[in-house]
Amino acid sequence: MATSINDVDIFEPKKDLLDRGVEAYDENVPLLAKLGIGFTPQGLAIDGAELAKYGRDAFRDFGSGDYKEGAMNLGLAGLSGIGFIPFAGDLLKEGGKQFAKGKIKGTKAFNDLRAKKLVPTKGNPTFEGPVRDKSKDLENALDRQMNKHQDFTSIEEMFDTAKSANKPFQKEIDDVAMNLNLRTAGSPGEVITDPELLKYMKNGVDIRTGNLPGTVKTIKSMTRKMEGKYDGDFLQITDPIRTRIIANTTQEADEFARQIANRYPTKDSGNQISGLGLRDRKLNIQYTSPNGEKIIAEIGIVPQAMKDASELTHKPYEAWRVLTAKYKNVEDVPIQVKNQIKELKQVQLDIFADAEKSLDPSWLSDEIVKKFAKGGAVINEGY
């Protein structure tokens, strides 16, 4: 069951009694207790409830075209049927369910081993979509393996490296863009008119980083992301240095991404739409500066209309981010705060939807990946 506001949609339809009952039993009752009541009337009733829930979920998944999730739920329904066999059936059912849900001890190590083979090399990019289709755990393992490129002992060391590595990084990416008659955006990370940023601007440079504004993540921003998204592991930050490229067609984006992948080990998100409505593409590269500094860098590829819209959504996004970061558990969010979050989200959705009217049709393809507002692929259309 999801518990973090960062990785679920707090406005998804509420689960019914069947969902909540089966999930509560799964998560709160120890295995020995489950075996003990297996062939009692209560145990048989639970087997029946699980069979009904997973069978219903499989029917819904297949009906919506989610065949992978449907197959897993169909398998869980079959395991629930096996549970009607005394003791041995319950033992097989619980072991099978844990395997199907990826809870077997050692899964993390197994995924890390699989992910090592997926780490990109020059000329051989790794696309997020196929990895995510296999499993979210494998996608996370790929991130951990790729991020070993940046071997820092502290967040301060990461920040210092970002400040010095950023200048050659920006020039190299600018050169690739210019060769394709593309250009970088003026402020990839923050809006120049932001009052907070303006306090630190001098001669067009952010005095906190010694670089153009938004191109180097500040210590404050790194710390916030480390704590809010990565459970304190700063080495998982993938945008300590970043830039944006304007590409008004996905064909331009494809060619730029191809050239970047030929120069650097690259993880490619593919063309995507966020849960807030932003259409873009993200490349994470293992960057090594001319003097040998190693760091993960992010290159956003975005059409001009989306870049302009992202500046208009800056203030509502910041307010939305502060509110969502304030609560760790969905259950703790007061109803009035939920309403505020929903309103701020809708403001951004409306702005980006309006910007879509100016987009080249290639950016509106049905093949574009939909994602949660804070990462991860969207599981249902209701998000």
Protein backbone atom coordinates (compact mmCIF):
# COMPACT_ATOMS: atom_id res chain seq x y z
CA MET A 1 0.00 0.00 0.00
CA ALA A 2 1.33 3.42 -0.91
CA THR A 3 1.92 5.73 2.02
CA SER A 4 3.90 8.64 0.58
CA ILE A 5 2.27 11.64 -1.00
CA ASN A 6 5.30 11.82 -3.29
CA ASP A 7 4.49 8.62 -5.15
CA VAL A 8 0.70 8.40 -5.25
CA ASP A 9 -2.12 10.53 -6.53
CA ILE A 10 -4.01 11.68 -3.44
CA PHE A 11 -7.08 12.29 -5.58
CA GLU A 12 -7.42 8.75 -6.92
CA PRO A 13 -10.78 7.00 -6.25
CA LYS A 14 -10.99 5.59 -2.73
CA LYS A 15 -10.52 1.85 -2.37
CA ASP A 16 -13.64 -0.14 -1.53
CA LEU A 17 -14.11 -2.45 1.45
CA LEU A 18 -12.89 -5.48 -0.51
CA ASP A 19 -9.62 -3.74 -1.42
CA ARG A 20 -9.02 -2.42 2.09
CA GLY A 21 -9.92 -5.68 3.80
CA VAL A 22 -7.68 -7.89 1.65
CA GLU A 23 -4.75 -5.44 1.79
CA ALA A 24 -5.04 -5.01 5.57
CA TYR A 25 -5.02 -8.79 6.03
CA ASP A 26 -2.03 -9.14 3.67
CA GLU A 27 0.05 -6.48 5.42
CA ASN A 28 -0.85 -6.93 9.08
CA VAL A 29 -1.32 -10.67 9.68
CA PRO A 30 1.89 -12.74 10.14
CA LEU A 31 2.45 -15.83 7.97
CA LEU A 32 2.10 -18.29 10.87
CA ALA A 33 -1.24 -16.78 11.83
CA LYS A 34 -2.42 -17.06 8.22
CA LEU A 35 -1.44 -20.74 8.16
CA GLY A 36 -3.21 -21.27 11.48
CA ILE A 37 -6.59 -20.05 10.27
CA GLY A 38 -6.18 -21.39 6.73
CA PHE A 39 -8.91 -24.09 6.81
CA THR A 40 -11.23 -22.46 9.32
CA PRO A 41 -14.43 -20.72 8.14
CA GLN A 42 -12.65 -17.38 8.55
CA GLY A 43 -9.68 -18.57 6.50
CA LEU A 44 -11.91 -19.88 3.72
CA ALA A 45 -13.80 -16.58 3.71
CA ILE A 46 -10.50 -14.71 3.29
CA ASP A 47 -9.50 -17.02 0.41
CA GLY A 48 -12.84 -16.26 -1.22
CA ALA A 49 -12.44 -12.50 -0.72
CA GLU A 50 -8.94 -12.58 -2.23
CA LEU A 51 -10.18 -14.62 -5.19
CA ALA A 52 -12.96 -12.09 -5.77
CA LYS A 53 -10.69 -9.04 -5.43
CA TYR A 54 -7.86 -10.21 -7.66
CA GLY A 55 -10.23 -11.70 -10.23
CA ARG A 56 -12.15 -8.40 -10.38
CA ASP A 57 -8.90 -6.40 -10.61
CA ALA A 58 -7.65 -8.63 -13.45
CA PHE A 59 -10.93 -8.12 -15.35
CA ARG A 60 -10.59 -4.32 -14.95
CA ASP A 61 -6.92 -4.34 -15.99
CA PHE A 62 -7.51 -6.39 -19.13
CA GLY A 63 -10.49 -4.19 -19.99
CA SER A 64 -8.35 -1.04 -19.77
CA GLY A 65 -5.50 -2.58 -21.79
CA ASP A 66 -3.11 -2.98 -18.82
CA TYR A 67 -2.19 -6.57 -19.67
CA LYS A 68 0.89 -6.79 -17.45
CA GLU A 69 -0.99 -5.78 -14.30
CA GLY A 70 -3.93 -7.92 -15.41
CA ALA A 71 -1.72 -10.99 -15.76
CA MET A 72 -0.27 -10.44 -12.28
CA ASN A 73 -3.73 -10.05 -10.72
CA LEU A 74 -4.96 -13.13 -12.60
CA GLY A 75 -2.03 -15.05 -11.15
CA LEU A 76 -2.86 -13.76 -7.65
CA ALA A 77 -6.45 -14.89 -8.13
CA GLY A 78 -5.17 -18.36 -9.04
CA LEU A 79 -2.97 -18.43 -5.95
CA SER A 80 -5.97 -17.43 -3.84
CA GLY A 81 -7.81 -20.46 -5.22
CA ILE A 82 -4.91 -22.70 -4.18
CA GLY A 83 -5.43 -21.34 -0.65
CA PHE A 84 -8.53 -23.55 -0.29
CA ILE A 85 -6.13 -26.52 0.06
CA PRO A 86 -5.36 -26.96 3.81
CA PHE A 87 -1.94 -25.71 5.02
CA ALA A 88 0.13 -26.58 1.92
CA GLY A 89 -2.17 -24.45 -0.21
CA ASP A 90 -1.84 -21.49 2.13
CA LEU A 91 1.94 -21.91 2.19
CA LEU A 92 2.12 -21.96 -1.62
CA LYS A 93 -0.29 -19.06 -1.85
CA GLU A 94 1.69 -16.78 0.47
CA GLY A 95 5.04 -17.62 -1.11
CA GLY A 96 3.62 -17.10 -4.59
CA LYS A 97 2.01 -13.78 -3.64
CA GLN A 98 5.23 -12.45 -2.15
CA PHE A 99 7.14 -13.46 -5.28
CA ALA A 100 4.53 -11.89 -7.58
CA LYS A 101 4.64 -8.64 -5.61
CA GLY A 102 8.45 -8.55 -5.48
CA LYS A 103 8.75 -9.01 -1.71
CA ILE A 104 11.08 -12.01 -1.59
CA LYS A 105 14.20 -11.29 0.45
CA GLY A 106 17.08 -10.53 -1.87
CA THR A 107 14.96 -8.89 -4.60
CA LYS A 108 16.90 -5.61 -4.32
CA ALA A 109 20.22 -7.40 -4.79
CA PHE A 110 18.78 -9.39 -7.69
CA ASN A 111 17.51 -6.22 -9.39
CA ASP A 112 20.85 -4.50 -8.86
CA LEU A 113 22.53 -7.42 -10.60
CA ARG A 114 20.11 -7.24 -13.52
CA ALA A 115 20.47 -3.44 -13.71
CA LYS A 116 24.25 -3.59 -14.16
CA LYS A 117 23.66 -4.96 -17.65
CA LEU A 118 21.34 -2.04 -18.45
CA VAL A 119 23.69 0.82 -17.55
CA PRO A 120 24.16 2.91 -20.74
CA THR A 121 27.44 3.29 -22.59
CA LYS A 122 28.45 5.71 -25.34
CA GLY A 123 26.37 4.96 -28.41
CA ASN A 124 24.09 2.62 -26.45
CA PRO A 125 21.48 4.66 -24.53
CA THR A 126 19.08 3.07 -22.09
CA PHE A 127 15.42 4.01 -22.53
CA GLU A 128 13.41 4.29 -19.32
CA GLY A 129 10.12 2.99 -20.75
CA PRO A 130 11.09 -0.65 -21.43
CA VAL A 131 12.90 -0.86 -18.08
CA ARG A 132 9.89 0.55 -16.23
CA ASP A 133 7.61 -1.89 -18.06
CA LYS A 134 9.59 -4.73 -16.51
CA SER A 135 9.27 -3.33 -13.00
CA LYS A 136 9.59 -0.12 -11.00
CA ASP A 137 12.12 -1.90 -8.75
CA LEU A 138 14.34 -2.58 -11.77
CA GLU A 139 14.06 1.07 -12.83
CA ASN A 140 15.17 2.17 -9.36
CA ALA A 141 18.04 -0.31 -9.47
CA LEU A 142 19.14 1.10 -12.83
CA ASP A 143 19.22 4.58 -11.31
CA ARG A 144 21.37 3.34 -8.42
CA GLN A 145 23.82 1.65 -10.78
CA MET A 146 24.04 4.63 -13.15
CA ASN A 147 24.49 7.10 -10.32
CA LYS A 148 27.60 5.27 -9.10
CA HIS A 149 29.34 7.44 -11.69
CA GLN A 150 29.28 10.27 -9.11
CA ASP A 151 31.27 9.04 -6.13
CA PHE A 152 31.04 11.90 -3.63
CA THR A 153 31.53 11.67 0.13
CA SER A 154 29.27 14.62 0.96
CA ILE A 155 26.63 16.86 -0.55
CA GLU A 156 29.10 19.74 -0.24
CA GLU A 157 31.54 17.86 -2.46
CA MET A 158 28.77 17.29 -5.01
CA PHE A 159 27.96 21.03 -4.96
CA ASP A 160 31.61 22.06 -5.40
CA THR A 161 32.03 19.65 -8.32
CA ALA A 162 28.79 20.90 -9.90
CA LYS A 163 30.02 24.49 -9.77
CA SER A 164 33.26 23.71 -11.59
CA ALA A 165 32.00 21.01 -14.00
CA ASN A 166 29.02 23.05 -15.13
CA LYS A 167 30.86 25.49 -17.39
CA PRO A 168 32.43 22.88 -19.72
CA PHE A 169 29.20 20.86 -19.59
CA GLN A 170 27.13 23.85 -20.76
CA LYS A 171 29.56 24.61 -23.59
CA GLU A 172 29.61 21.02 -24.83
CA ILE A 173 25.82 20.79 -24.88
CA ASP A 174 25.52 24.24 -26.49
CA ASP A 175 27.85 23.08 -29.27
CA VAL A 176 25.71 20.00 -30.00
CA ALA A 177 22.55 22.11 -30.06
CA MET A 178 24.04 24.79 -32.32
CA ASN A 179 25.23 22.18 -34.83
CA LEU A 180 21.57 21.17 -35.18
CA ASN A 181 20.33 24.78 -35.35
CA LEU A 182 18.79 24.36 -31.91
CA ARG A 183 19.35 26.53 -28.86
CA THR A 184 19.47 26.23 -25.10
CA ALA A 185 16.89 27.98 -22.93
CA GLY A 186 18.07 30.98 -20.94
CA SER A 187 17.17 29.62 -17.51
CA PRO A 188 16.65 25.86 -17.38
CA GLY A 189 15.96 25.50 -13.66
CA GLU A 190 14.44 28.71 -12.35
CA VAL A 191 12.59 31.77 -13.60
CA ILE A 192 14.75 34.88 -13.88
CA THR A 193 11.99 37.09 -12.47
CA ASP A 194 11.71 34.96 -9.31
CA PRO A 195 12.21 37.41 -6.38
CA GLU A 196 14.11 34.78 -4.38
CA LEU A 197 16.55 34.26 -7.24
CA LEU A 198 16.93 37.96 -7.99
CA LYS A 199 18.36 38.50 -4.50
CA TYR A 200 21.40 36.47 -5.54
CA MET A 201 21.85 37.79 -9.09
CA LYS A 202 24.87 39.92 -10.01
CA ASN A 203 25.90 40.63 -13.60
CA GLY A 204 23.69 37.80 -14.84
CA VAL A 205 25.27 35.23 -12.50
CA ASP A 206 23.85 33.48 -9.44
CA ILE A 207 26.45 34.40 -6.78
CA ARG A 208 25.60 31.25 -4.79
CA THR A 209 26.90 29.02 -7.59
CA GLY A 210 29.08 31.29 -9.71
CA ASN A 211 27.14 30.11 -12.76
CA LEU A 212 24.17 31.16 -14.86
CA PRO A 213 20.95 30.93 -12.83
CA GLY A 214 19.28 27.56 -12.67
CA THR A 215 22.15 25.63 -14.25
CA VAL A 216 23.63 24.46 -10.93
CA LYS A 217 21.43 23.17 -8.12
CA THR A 218 22.00 25.09 -4.89
CA ILE A 219 22.88 23.35 -1.63
CA LYS A 220 19.42 24.25 -0.31
CA SER A 221 17.72 22.69 -3.33
CA MET A 222 19.96 19.60 -3.24
CA THR A 223 19.18 19.07 0.45
CA ARG A 224 15.44 19.46 -0.10
CA LYS A 225 15.47 16.90 -2.91
CA MET A 226 17.73 14.51 -0.99
CA GLU A 227 15.41 14.52 2.01
CA GLY A 228 12.09 14.70 0.20
CA LYS A 229 12.67 12.23 -2.65
CA TYR A 230 15.70 10.06 -1.90
CA ASP A 231 15.49 9.31 1.83
CA GLY A 232 18.70 11.20 2.53
CA ASP A 233 20.80 9.61 -0.24
CA PHE A 234 22.23 12.64 -2.05
CA LEU A 235 24.04 10.41 -4.56
CA GLN A 236 20.67 9.71 -6.19
CA ILE A 237 20.27 13.37 -7.23
CA THR A 238 20.41 13.36 -11.04
CA ASP A 239 20.36 17.08 -11.85
CA PRO A 240 23.13 18.83 -9.88
CA ILE A 241 23.94 20.46 -13.24
CA ARG A 242 21.29 20.86 -15.91
CA THR A 243 20.24 22.63 -19.07
CA ARG A 244 17.30 22.82 -21.45
CA ILE A 245 17.19 22.56 -25.22
CA ILE A 246 14.35 24.03 -27.28
CA ALA A 247 13.08 21.49 -29.83
CA ASN A 248 9.74 22.33 -31.42
CA THR A 249 9.27 18.90 -33.01
CA THR A 250 9.94 15.45 -31.63
CA GLN A 251 12.03 14.79 -34.74
CA GLU A 252 14.41 17.53 -33.59
CA ALA A 253 14.35 16.04 -30.10
CA ASP A 254 15.14 12.58 -31.48
CA GLU A 255 18.17 13.77 -33.43
CA PHE A 256 19.52 15.81 -30.52
CA ALA A 257 19.06 12.84 -28.16
CA ARG A 258 20.85 10.56 -30.64
CA GLN A 259 23.86 12.85 -30.85
CA ILE A 260 24.05 13.21 -27.06
CA ALA A 261 23.89 9.43 -26.65
CA ASN A 262 26.80 9.05 -29.06
CA ARG A 263 28.92 11.34 -26.86
CA TYR A 264 27.90 10.34 -23.32
CA PRO A 265 26.35 7.32 -21.55
CA THR A 266 22.70 8.38 -21.62
CA LYS A 267 19.45 7.39 -19.93
CA ASP A 268 16.55 8.65 -22.06
CA SER A 269 13.02 9.19 -20.73
CA GLY A 270 11.52 9.40 -24.19
CA ASN A 271 8.91 12.05 -24.94
CA GLN A 272 6.66 12.35 -21.90
CA ILE A 273 3.90 14.33 -20.19
CA SER A 274 4.06 14.94 -16.44
CA GLY A 275 1.15 14.66 -14.04
CA LEU A 276 0.98 18.46 -14.11
CA GLY A 277 0.77 18.64 -17.91
CA LEU A 278 4.36 19.52 -18.94
CA ARG A 279 5.42 17.83 -22.18
CA ASP A 280 9.18 17.31 -22.47
CA ARG A 281 11.97 14.77 -22.68
CA LYS A 282 14.79 14.24 -20.20
CA LEU A 283 18.25 12.87 -20.78
CA ASN A 284 20.45 11.98 -17.83
CA ILE A 285 24.10 11.55 -18.76
CA GLN A 286 27.22 10.35 -17.01
CA TYR A 287 29.33 13.46 -17.53
CA THR A 288 33.09 13.60 -17.10
CA SER A 289 34.62 17.08 -17.31
CA PRO A 290 37.89 17.79 -19.14
CA ASN A 291 39.75 17.66 -15.79
CA GLY A 292 38.20 14.32 -14.83
CA GLU A 293 35.33 15.39 -12.53
CA LYS A 294 32.45 12.88 -12.68
CA ILE A 295 28.85 13.89 -12.14
CA ILE A 296 25.33 13.06 -13.38
CA ALA A 297 23.83 15.84 -15.51
CA GLU A 298 20.31 16.45 -16.79
CA ILE A 299 19.34 17.78 -20.20
CA GLY A 300 15.70 18.73 -20.67
CA ILE A 301 14.31 18.88 -24.21
CA VAL A 302 11.19 21.01 -24.45
CA PRO A 303 9.16 22.85 -27.12
CA GLN A 304 9.10 26.65 -26.79
CA ALA A 305 5.42 26.77 -25.82
CA MET A 306 6.03 24.38 -22.91
CA LYS A 307 9.10 26.35 -21.81
CA ASP A 308 7.01 29.55 -21.72
CA ALA A 309 4.18 27.78 -19.89
CA SER A 310 6.60 26.40 -17.28
CA GLU A 311 7.58 29.96 -16.40
CA LEU A 312 3.91 30.89 -15.94
CA THR A 313 3.40 27.86 -13.67
CA HIS A 314 6.46 28.59 -11.54
CA LYS A 315 4.60 30.24 -8.64
CA PRO A 316 1.71 27.74 -8.42
CA TYR A 317 4.22 24.89 -8.78
CA GLU A 318 6.30 26.19 -5.86
CA ALA A 319 3.17 26.50 -3.70
CA TRP A 320 2.06 23.00 -4.75
CA ARG A 321 5.52 21.57 -4.04
CA VAL A 322 5.66 23.10 -0.55
CA LEU A 323 2.23 21.71 0.36
CA THR A 324 2.90 18.20 -0.98
CA ALA A 325 6.30 18.07 0.74
CA LYS A 326 4.73 19.01 4.08
CA TYR A 327 2.95 15.68 4.53
CA LYS A 328 4.65 12.29 4.36
CA ASN A 329 1.48 10.20 4.53
CA VAL A 330 -1.62 10.66 2.41
CA GLU A 331 -3.83 10.00 5.42
CA ASP A 332 -2.37 13.02 7.24
CA VAL A 333 -3.41 15.59 4.63
CA PRO A 334 -6.30 17.75 5.94
CA ILE A 335 -9.23 18.12 3.55
CA GLN A 336 -8.70 21.86 3.13
CA VAL A 337 -5.06 21.23 2.14
CA LYS A 338 -6.17 18.56 -0.32
CA ASN A 339 -8.46 21.12 -1.88
CA GLN A 340 -5.60 23.64 -2.12
CA ILE A 341 -3.33 21.05 -3.73
CA LYS A 342 -6.07 20.13 -6.17
CA GLU A 343 -6.65 23.78 -7.12
CA LEU A 344 -2.92 24.45 -7.61
CA LYS A 345 -2.62 21.34 -9.74
CA GLN A 346 -5.57 22.41 -11.87
CA VAL A 347 -4.04 25.86 -12.46
CA GLN A 348 -0.95 24.20 -13.89
CA LEU A 349 -2.92 21.70 -15.94
CA ASP A 350 -4.92 24.57 -17.47
CA ILE A 351 -1.81 26.57 -18.37
CA PHE A 352 -0.08 23.61 -19.98
CA ALA A 353 -3.28 22.58 -21.77
CA ASP A 354 -3.52 26.07 -23.25
CA ALA A 355 0.12 25.84 -24.37
CA GLU A 356 -0.64 22.59 -26.20
CA LYS A 357 -2.60 24.61 -28.78
CA SER A 358 0.73 25.99 -30.06
CA LEU A 359 2.58 22.66 -30.20
CA ASP A 360 3.64 20.75 -33.28
CA PRO A 361 1.39 17.66 -33.57
CA SER A 362 4.39 15.39 -32.97
CA TRP A 363 4.44 16.48 -29.31
CA LEU A 364 0.79 15.38 -28.94
CA SER A 365 1.31 11.76 -30.00
CA ASP A 366 -0.59 9.04 -28.13
CA GLU A 367 2.75 7.25 -27.68
CA ILE A 368 4.02 9.90 -25.25
CA VAL A 369 4.60 8.46 -21.77
CA LYS A 370 2.40 9.80 -18.99
CA LYS A 371 4.06 10.30 -15.61
CA PHE A 372 3.19 11.23 -12.05
CA ALA A 373 3.79 14.80 -10.99
CA LYS A 374 6.77 13.65 -8.90
CA GLY A 375 8.01 10.81 -11.06
CA GLY A 376 6.96 7.29 -12.02
CA ALA A 377 4.65 6.24 -14.81
CA VAL A 378 0.95 6.86 -14.38
CA ILE A 379 -0.93 3.64 -13.78
CA ASN A 380 -4.42 4.81 -14.65
CA GLU A 381 -5.95 7.48 -16.82
CA GLY A 382 -7.65 9.11 -13.87
CA TYR A 383 -4.47 10.75 -12.65
